C-alpha atoms as a PDB file:
ATOM      1  CA  UNK A   1      -0.762 -31.803 -17.338  1.00  0.00           C
ATOM      2  CA  UNK A   2      -0.704 -33.719 -20.226  1.00  0.00           C
ATOM      3  CA  UNK A   3       0.806 -33.320 -23.713  1.00  0.00           C
ATOM      4  CA  UNK A   4      -1.801 -31.853 -25.429  1.00  0.00           C
ATOM      5  CA  UNK A   5      -2.043 -29.054 -22.068  1.00  0.00           C
ATOM      6  CA  UNK A   6       1.349 -28.424 -22.410  1.00  0.00           C
ATOM      7  CA  UNK A   7       1.448 -28.293 -26.103  1.00  0.00           C
ATOM      8  CA  UNK A   8      -1.524 -25.865 -25.807  1.00  0.00           C
ATOM      9  CA  UNK A   9       0.145 -23.736 -23.510  1.00  0.00           C
ATOM     10  CA  UNK A  10       3.710 -23.470 -25.352  1.00  0.00           C
ATOM     11  CA  UNK A  11       1.598 -21.968 -28.095  1.00  0.00           C
ATOM     12  CA  UNK A  12      -0.153 -19.553 -25.798  1.00  0.00           C
ATOM     13  CA  UNK A  13       3.419 -18.434 -24.338  1.00  0.00           C
ATOM     14  CA  UNK A  14       4.983 -17.545 -27.754  1.00  0.00           C
ATOM     15  CA  UNK A  15       1.454 -15.719 -28.718  1.00  0.00           C
ATOM     16  CA  UNK A  16       1.788 -13.603 -25.369  1.00  0.00           C
ATOM     17  CA  UNK A  17       5.563 -12.754 -26.269  1.00  0.00           C
ATOM     18  CA  UNK A  18       4.976 -11.383 -29.703  1.00  0.00           C
ATOM     19  CA  UNK A  19       2.247  -9.741 -27.924  1.00  0.00           C
ATOM     20  CA  UNK A  20       4.244  -8.482 -25.681  1.00  0.00           C
ATOM     21  CA  UNK A  21       5.876  -6.791 -28.691  1.00  0.00           C
ATOM     22  CA  UNK A  22       3.648  -5.676 -30.644  1.00  0.00           C
ATOM     23  CA  UNK A  23       2.007  -3.824 -27.749  1.00  0.00           C
ATOM     24  CA  UNK A  24       5.165  -1.472 -27.443  1.00  0.00           C
ATOM     25  CA  UNK A  25       6.257  -2.534 -24.237  1.00  0.00           C
ATOM     26  CA  UNK A  26       9.173  -4.516 -25.102  1.00  0.00           C
ATOM     27  CA  UNK A  27      11.684  -4.331 -27.907  1.00  0.00           C
ATOM     28  CA  UNK A  28      13.851  -7.351 -29.592  1.00  0.00           C
ATOM     29  CA  UNK A  29      14.905 -10.100 -27.448  1.00  0.00           C
ATOM     30  CA  UNK A  30      14.646  -8.189 -24.000  1.00  0.00           C
ATOM     31  CA  UNK A  31      12.193  -8.880 -21.557  1.00  0.00           C
ATOM     32  CA  UNK A  32      11.289 -13.037 -20.811  1.00  0.00           C
ATOM     33  CA  UNK A  33       7.887 -14.632 -20.036  1.00  0.00           C
ATOM     34  CA  UNK A  34       7.390 -17.770 -17.240  1.00  0.00           C
ATOM     35  CA  UNK A  35       4.332 -20.145 -16.483  1.00  0.00           C
ATOM     36  CA  UNK A  36       4.067 -22.397 -13.810  1.00  0.00           C
ATOM     37  CA  UNK A  37       3.313 -26.409 -15.255  1.00  0.00           C
ATOM     38  CA  UNK A  38       3.317 -29.855 -13.943  1.00  0.00           C
ATOM     39  CA  UNK A  39       6.813 -30.239 -14.354  1.00  0.00           C
ATOM     40  CA  UNK A  40       7.967 -26.906 -12.655  1.00  0.00           C
ATOM     41  CA  UNK A  41       7.169 -23.961 -15.190  1.00  0.00           C
ATOM     42  CA  UNK A  42       8.214 -23.172 -18.806  1.00  0.00           C
ATOM     43  CA  UNK A  43      10.442 -20.349 -19.421  1.00  0.00           C
ATOM     44  CA  UNK A  44      11.345 -18.346 -22.387  1.00  0.00           C
ATOM     45  CA  UNK A  45      14.763 -19.542 -24.376  1.00  0.00           C
ATOM     46  CA  UNK A  46      17.835 -16.591 -24.319  1.00  0.00           C
ATOM     47  CA  UNK A  47      18.764 -14.595 -26.971  1.00  0.00           C
ATOM     48  CA  UNK A  48      15.910 -15.696 -28.926  1.00  0.00           C
ATOM     49  CA  UNK A  49      13.860 -13.287 -31.243  1.00  0.00           C
ATOM     50  CA  UNK A  50      10.098 -13.605 -30.716  1.00  0.00           C
ATOM     51  CA  UNK A  51       9.150 -13.464 -34.217  1.00  0.00           C
ATOM     52  CA  UNK A  52      11.684 -16.656 -34.744  1.00  0.00           C
ATOM     53  CA  UNK A  53      10.292 -18.574 -31.317  1.00  0.00           C
ATOM     54  CA  UNK A  54       8.605 -21.601 -31.728  1.00  0.00           C
ATOM     55  CA  UNK A  55       6.526 -23.701 -29.234  1.00  0.00           C
ATOM     56  CA  UNK A  56       9.366 -26.221 -29.121  1.00  0.00           C
ATOM     57  CA  UNK A  57      11.991 -23.191 -28.188  1.00  0.00           C
ATOM     58  CA  UNK A  58      10.594 -22.904 -24.681  1.00  0.00           C
ATOM     59  CA  UNK A  59      12.634 -24.525 -22.117  1.00  0.00           C
ATOM     60  CA  UNK A  60      10.985 -26.820 -19.384  1.00  0.00           C
ATOM     61  CA  UNK A  61      12.497 -26.239 -15.883  1.00  0.00           C
ATOM     62  CA  UNK A  62      12.434 -27.411 -12.677  1.00  0.00           C
ATOM     63  CA  UNK A  63      12.518 -25.610  -9.192  1.00  0.00           C
ATOM     64  CA  UNK A  64      16.041 -26.943  -8.274  1.00  0.00           C
ATOM     65  CA  UNK A  65      16.912 -24.722 -11.342  1.00  0.00           C
ATOM     66  CA  UNK A  66      17.799 -27.997 -14.109  1.00  0.00           C
ATOM     67  CA  UNK A  67      16.479 -27.855 -17.262  1.00  0.00           C
ATOM     68  CA  UNK A  68      15.631 -29.687 -19.802  1.00  0.00           C
ATOM     69  CA  UNK A  69      15.400 -28.925 -23.823  1.00  0.00           C
ATOM     70  CA  UNK A  70      17.744 -27.776 -27.178  1.00  0.00           C
ATOM     71  CA  UNK A  71      17.960 -24.320 -25.809  1.00  0.00           C
ATOM     72  CA  UNK A  72      19.037 -22.652 -22.560  1.00  0.00           C
ATOM     73  CA  UNK A  73      16.816 -20.683 -20.681  1.00  0.00           C
ATOM     74  CA  UNK A  74      16.228 -16.832 -20.421  1.00  0.00           C
ATOM     75  CA  UNK A  75      19.184 -15.321 -18.178  1.00  0.00           C
ATOM     76  CA  UNK A  76      16.677 -14.382 -15.808  1.00  0.00           C
ATOM     77  CA  UNK A  77      14.916 -17.621 -14.845  1.00  0.00           C
ATOM     78  CA  UNK A  78      16.396 -17.081 -11.431  1.00  0.00           C
ATOM     79  CA  UNK A  79      13.638 -14.352 -10.769  1.00  0.00           C
ATOM     80  CA  UNK A  80      11.217 -16.733 -12.358  1.00  0.00           C
ATOM     81  CA  UNK A  81      11.852 -19.524 -10.262  1.00  0.00           C
ATOM     82  CA  UNK A  82      11.717 -17.727  -7.360  1.00  0.00           C
ATOM     83  CA  UNK A  83       9.139 -15.809  -7.727  1.00  0.00           C
ATOM     84  CA  UNK A  84       6.691 -18.955  -8.672  1.00  0.00           C
ATOM     85  CA  UNK A  85       8.112 -20.454  -5.578  1.00  0.00           C
ATOM     86  CA  UNK A  86       7.433 -17.790  -3.425  1.00  0.00           C
ATOM     87  CA  UNK A  87       3.872 -16.920  -4.671  1.00  0.00           C
ATOM     88  CA  UNK A  88       1.745 -20.086  -5.138  1.00  0.00           C
ATOM     89  CA  UNK A  89      -1.328 -17.559  -5.909  1.00  0.00           C
ATOM     90  CA  UNK A  90       0.331 -16.905  -9.224  1.00  0.00           C
ATOM     91  CA  UNK A  91       1.116 -18.845 -12.307  1.00  0.00           C
ATOM     92  CA  UNK A  92       2.593 -16.326 -14.667  1.00  0.00           C
ATOM     93  CA  UNK A  93       5.923 -13.704 -14.483  1.00  0.00           C
ATOM     94  CA  UNK A  94       6.619 -11.259 -17.238  1.00  0.00           C
ATOM     95  CA  UNK A  95       9.254  -9.070 -17.365  1.00  0.00           C
ATOM     96  CA  UNK A  96       9.929  -6.321 -20.333  1.00  0.00           C
ATOM     97  CA  UNK A  97      11.496  -3.010 -20.722  1.00  0.00           C
ATOM     98  CA  UNK A  98       8.608  -0.637 -21.357  1.00  0.00           C
ATOM     99  CA  UNK A  99      10.120   2.735 -22.123  1.00  0.00           C
ATOM    100  CA  UNK A 100       8.263   4.813 -19.690  1.00  0.00           C
ATOM    101  CA  UNK A 101       8.565   2.263 -16.763  1.00  0.00           C
ATOM    102  CA  UNK A 102      12.132   1.917 -17.289  1.00  0.00           C
ATOM    103  CA  UNK A 103      12.672   5.604 -17.396  1.00  0.00           C
ATOM    104  CA  UNK A 104      11.115   5.921 -13.727  1.00  0.00           C
ATOM    105  CA  UNK A 105      13.251   2.806 -12.782  1.00  0.00           C
ATOM    106  CA  UNK A 106      16.792   4.525 -14.258  1.00  0.00           C
ATOM    107  CA  UNK A 107      16.141   6.793 -11.369  1.00  0.00           C
ATOM    108  CA  UNK A 108      14.759   4.547  -8.917  1.00  0.00           C
ATOM    109  CA  UNK A 109      11.594   6.046  -8.616  1.00  0.00           C
ATOM    110  CA  UNK A 110       8.759   4.333  -6.931  1.00  0.00           C
ATOM    111  CA  UNK A 111       4.987   5.084  -8.482  1.00  0.00           C
ATOM    112  CA  UNK A 112       2.867   6.603  -5.465  1.00  0.00           C
ATOM    113  CA  UNK A 113      -0.878   6.292  -5.532  1.00  0.00           C
ATOM    114  CA  UNK A 114      -1.475   9.971  -7.756  1.00  0.00           C
ATOM    115  CA  UNK A 115      -3.971   7.928  -9.419  1.00  0.00           C
ATOM    116  CA  UNK A 116      -6.581   5.454  -8.439  1.00  0.00           C
ATOM    117  CA  UNK A 117      -5.397   2.941 -11.048  1.00  0.00           C
ATOM    118  CA  UNK A 118      -2.197   2.267  -9.162  1.00  0.00           C
ATOM    119  CA  UNK A 119      -3.951  -0.432  -7.129  1.00  0.00           C
ATOM    120  CA  UNK A 120      -4.294  -2.758  -9.724  1.00  0.00           C
ATOM    121  CA  UNK A 121      -0.672  -3.476  -8.808  1.00  0.00           C
ATOM    122  CA  UNK A 122      -2.058  -4.663  -5.268  1.00  0.00           C
ATOM    123  CA  UNK A 123      -1.309  -2.127  -2.994  1.00  0.00           C
ATOM    124  CA  UNK A 124      -0.615   1.961  -2.541  1.00  0.00           C
ATOM    125  CA  UNK A 125       2.283   2.203  -4.686  1.00  0.00           C
ATOM    126  CA  UNK A 126       4.438   0.449  -7.183  1.00  0.00           C
ATOM    127  CA  UNK A 127       7.664   0.075  -5.963  1.00  0.00           C
ATOM    128  CA  UNK A 128      11.063   0.333  -7.644  1.00  0.00           C
ATOM    129  CA  UNK A 129      13.642  -2.434  -6.175  1.00  0.00           C
ATOM    130  CA  UNK A 130      17.392  -1.532  -5.702  1.00  0.00           C
ATOM    131  CA  UNK A 131      19.619  -2.146  -8.865  1.00  0.00           C
ATOM    132  CA  UNK A 132      21.661  -5.653  -9.135  1.00  0.00           C
ATOM    133  CA  UNK A 133      23.303  -7.493 -11.607  1.00  0.00           C
ATOM    134  CA  UNK A 134      21.194  -8.859 -14.258  1.00  0.00           C
ATOM    135  CA  UNK A 135      20.323 -12.622 -14.158  1.00  0.00           C
ATOM    136  CA  UNK A 136      22.170 -13.177 -10.421  1.00  0.00           C
ATOM    137  CA  UNK A 137      20.526 -14.385  -7.531  1.00  0.00           C
ATOM    138  CA  UNK A 138      20.902 -10.754  -6.219  1.00  0.00           C
ATOM    139  CA  UNK A 139      18.338  -9.192  -8.265  1.00  0.00           C
ATOM    140  CA  UNK A 140      15.740 -12.030  -7.592  1.00  0.00           C
ATOM    141  CA  UNK A 141      16.376 -11.320  -4.169  1.00  0.00           C
ATOM    142  CA  UNK A 142      15.721  -7.323  -4.884  1.00  0.00           C
ATOM    143  CA  UNK A 143      12.270  -8.335  -7.337  1.00  0.00           C
ATOM    144  CA  UNK A 144      11.028 -10.485  -4.195  1.00  0.00           C
ATOM    145  CA  UNK A 145      11.775  -7.817  -1.866  1.00  0.00           C
ATOM    146  CA  UNK A 146       9.714  -5.072  -3.981  1.00  0.00           C
ATOM    147  CA  UNK A 147       7.091  -7.336  -4.997  1.00  0.00           C
ATOM    148  CA  UNK A 148       5.915  -7.758  -1.302  1.00  0.00           C
ATOM    149  CA  UNK A 149       2.149  -7.904  -1.374  1.00  0.00           C
ATOM    150  CA  UNK A 150       2.476  -6.807  -4.745  1.00  0.00           C
ATOM    151  CA  UNK A 151       1.651  -8.114  -8.835  1.00  0.00           C
ATOM    152  CA  UNK A 152       3.994  -5.668 -10.160  1.00  0.00           C
ATOM    153  CA  UNK A 153       7.177  -3.393  -9.594  1.00  0.00           C
ATOM    154  CA  UNK A 154       9.788  -1.622 -11.248  1.00  0.00           C
ATOM    155  CA  UNK A 155      13.295  -2.842 -11.012  1.00  0.00           C
ATOM    156  CA  UNK A 156      16.159  -0.550 -10.826  1.00  0.00           C
ATOM    157  CA  UNK A 157      18.042   0.784 -13.655  1.00  0.00           C
ATOM    158  CA  UNK A 158      16.268  -2.412 -15.701  1.00  0.00           C
ATOM    159  CA  UNK A 159      12.450  -2.622 -16.428  1.00  0.00           C
ATOM    160  CA  UNK A 160       9.604  -4.099 -14.846  1.00  0.00           C
ATOM    161  CA  UNK A 161       7.862  -7.033 -13.892  1.00  0.00           C
ATOM    162  CA  UNK A 162       4.115  -8.051 -13.701  1.00  0.00           C
ATOM    163  CA  UNK A 163       2.550 -11.411 -12.558  1.00  0.00           C
ATOM    164  CA  UNK A 164      -0.308 -12.804 -12.788  1.00  0.00           C
ATOM    165  CA  UNK A 165      -2.512 -15.861 -12.605  1.00  0.00           C
ATOM    166  CA  UNK A 166      -3.047 -16.323 -16.353  1.00  0.00           C
ATOM    167  CA  UNK A 167      -0.821 -14.879 -19.133  1.00  0.00           C
ATOM    168  CA  UNK A 168      -3.386 -12.422 -20.222  1.00  0.00           C
ATOM    169  CA  UNK A 169      -3.380 -11.020 -16.768  1.00  0.00           C
ATOM    170  CA  UNK A 170      -0.087  -9.997 -16.381  1.00  0.00           C
ATOM    171  CA  UNK A 171       0.469  -8.846 -20.042  1.00  0.00           C
ATOM    172  CA  UNK A 172      -2.535  -6.417 -19.039  1.00  0.00           C
ATOM    173  CA  UNK A 173      -0.898  -5.407 -15.959  1.00  0.00           C
ATOM    174  CA  UNK A 174       2.321  -4.821 -17.809  1.00  0.00           C
ATOM    175  CA  UNK A 175       0.402  -2.475 -20.098  1.00  0.00           C
ATOM    176  CA  UNK A 176      -1.059  -0.593 -17.233  1.00  0.00           C
ATOM    177  CA  UNK A 177       1.829  -0.205 -15.183  1.00  0.00           C
ATOM    178  CA  UNK A 178       3.583   1.281 -18.372  1.00  0.00           C
ATOM    179  CA  UNK A 179       0.353   3.700 -18.959  1.00  0.00           C
ATOM    180  CA  UNK A 180       0.538   4.712 -15.430  1.00  0.00           C
ATOM    181  CA  UNK A 181       4.731   5.683 -15.630  1.00  0.00           C
ATOM    182  CA  UNK A 182       3.629   7.201 -18.704  1.00  0.00           C
ATOM    183  CA  UNK A 183       0.922   9.643 -17.052  1.00  0.00           C
ATOM    184  CA  UNK A 184       3.064   9.807 -13.607  1.00  0.00           C
ATOM    185  CA  UNK A 185       5.894  11.294 -15.726  1.00  0.00           C
ATOM    186  CA  UNK A 186       3.527  13.701 -17.574  1.00  0.00           C
ATOM    187  CA  UNK A 187       1.841  15.183 -14.521  1.00  0.00           C
ATOM    188  CA  UNK A 188       5.118  15.612 -13.355  1.00  0.00           C
ATOM    189  CA  UNK A 189       6.018  18.279 -15.798  1.00  0.00           C
ATOM    190  CA  UNK A 190       3.397  20.214 -13.796  1.00  0.00           C
ATOM    191  CA  UNK A 191       5.241  19.706 -10.444  1.00  0.00           C
ATOM    192  CA  UNK A 192       5.019  16.486  -8.204  1.00  0.00           C
ATOM    193  CA  UNK A 193       0.996  15.358  -8.181  1.00  0.00           C
ATOM    194  CA  UNK A 194      -0.838  15.009  -5.139  1.00  0.00           C
ATOM    195  CA  UNK A 195      -1.117  11.371  -3.934  1.00  0.00           C
ATOM    196  CA  UNK A 196      -4.500   9.949  -2.866  1.00  0.00           C
ATOM    197  CA  UNK A 197      -3.913   9.394   1.085  1.00  0.00           C
ATOM    198  CA  UNK A 198      -3.985   5.226   2.051  1.00  0.00           C
ATOM    199  CA  UNK A 199      -7.631   5.238   3.442  1.00  0.00           C
ATOM    200  CA  UNK A 200      -8.968   5.818  -0.092  1.00  0.00           C
ATOM    201  CA  UNK A 201      -6.291   3.708  -1.594  1.00  0.00           C
ATOM    202  CA  UNK A 202      -8.244   0.775   0.803  1.00  0.00           C
ATOM    203  CA  UNK A 203     -11.249   1.721  -0.305  1.00  0.00           C
ATOM    204  CA  UNK A 204     -10.055   1.271  -4.064  1.00  0.00           C
ATOM    205  CA  UNK A 205      -8.440  -1.806  -3.185  1.00  0.00           C
ATOM    206  CA  UNK A 206     -11.312  -3.272  -1.572  1.00  0.00           C
ATOM    207  CA  UNK A 207     -13.278  -2.197  -4.488  1.00  0.00           C
ATOM    208  CA  UNK A 208     -10.818  -4.114  -6.775  1.00  0.00           C
ATOM    209  CA  UNK A 209     -11.439  -7.093  -4.654  1.00  0.00           C
ATOM    210  CA  UNK A 210     -15.112  -6.878  -4.571  1.00  0.00           C
ATOM    211  CA  UNK A 211     -14.766  -6.967  -8.621  1.00  0.00           C
ATOM    212  CA  UNK A 212     -12.624  -9.908  -8.942  1.00  0.00           C
ATOM    213  CA  UNK A 213     -14.774 -12.037  -6.839  1.00  0.00           C
ATOM    214  CA  UNK A 214     -17.579 -11.172  -9.362  1.00  0.00           C
ATOM    215  CA  UNK A 215     -19.493  -8.745  -6.873  1.00  0.00           C
ATOM    216  CA  UNK A 216     -20.914  -5.319  -7.206  1.00  0.00           C
ATOM    217  CA  UNK A 217     -18.172  -2.608  -7.148  1.00  0.00           C
ATOM    218  CA  UNK A 218     -20.129  -1.050  -4.150  1.00  0.00           C
ATOM    219  CA  UNK A 219     -18.808  -0.287  -0.396  1.00  0.00           C
ATOM    220  CA  UNK A 220     -20.714  -0.645   2.569  1.00  0.00           C
ATOM    221  CA  UNK A 221     -21.512   2.619   2.884  1.00  0.00           C
ATOM    222  CA  UNK A 222     -22.051   3.733  -0.666  1.00  0.00           C
ATOM    223  CA  UNK A 223     -25.173   2.277  -3.003  1.00  0.00           C
ATOM    224  CA  UNK A 224     -24.907   3.716  -6.293  1.00  0.00           C
ATOM    225  CA  UNK A 225     -26.048   0.313  -8.352  1.00  0.00           C
ATOM    226  CA  UNK A 226     -29.158   0.892 -10.469  1.00  0.00           C
ATOM    227  CA  UNK A 227     -32.430  -0.691  -8.893  1.00  0.00           C
ATOM    228  CA  UNK A 228     -35.022  -2.615 -10.699  1.00  0.00           C
ATOM    229  CA  UNK A 229     -38.261  -1.088 -11.210  1.00  0.00           C
END
């Protein structure tokens, strides 16, 4: 990655952080963002309001935990490092304290397959991790465990994490997780909602995989795409 690419990446990260707060899924200086680059990864600095953050404030980190720059990295840099190291297919880690997802997280509630869109997180559930102190290796370990085979998770009594190949994808997923958390909470007012069986969720996951590959979403035994005449 050359200097021009790095400058563009930094600009995009600042914009993503501001969009994260503007969307309502994060507040104040909570939450953080990291993106893989040639030197390791860039991560947001600690305790700096996003409206004041400039591209130069982002911290360059290496996977050995060392960093360079005028500011210190986010207190949550460990789970950013460990997730990016464990998941080579992912380039962006977004963490936020969205209200509805965090409401479920304070009760250690995993979001079940009450709605088919739960599959956007990569599986039949959106897991909630155990609680661990913020900024610790123990929290990083808990997050890695909850994210196994998933693109998003809740952090017990803390918030949520969303992953993506791009910043846009990670932010969109975090917003979707928050929407699903709100829907699930509202549905539970009427009683615990029914969940879709694993076989149906596997069909949904396959549909989503087909679409991500640029193919029509139809399954092998379903053919409802319009036919040309």
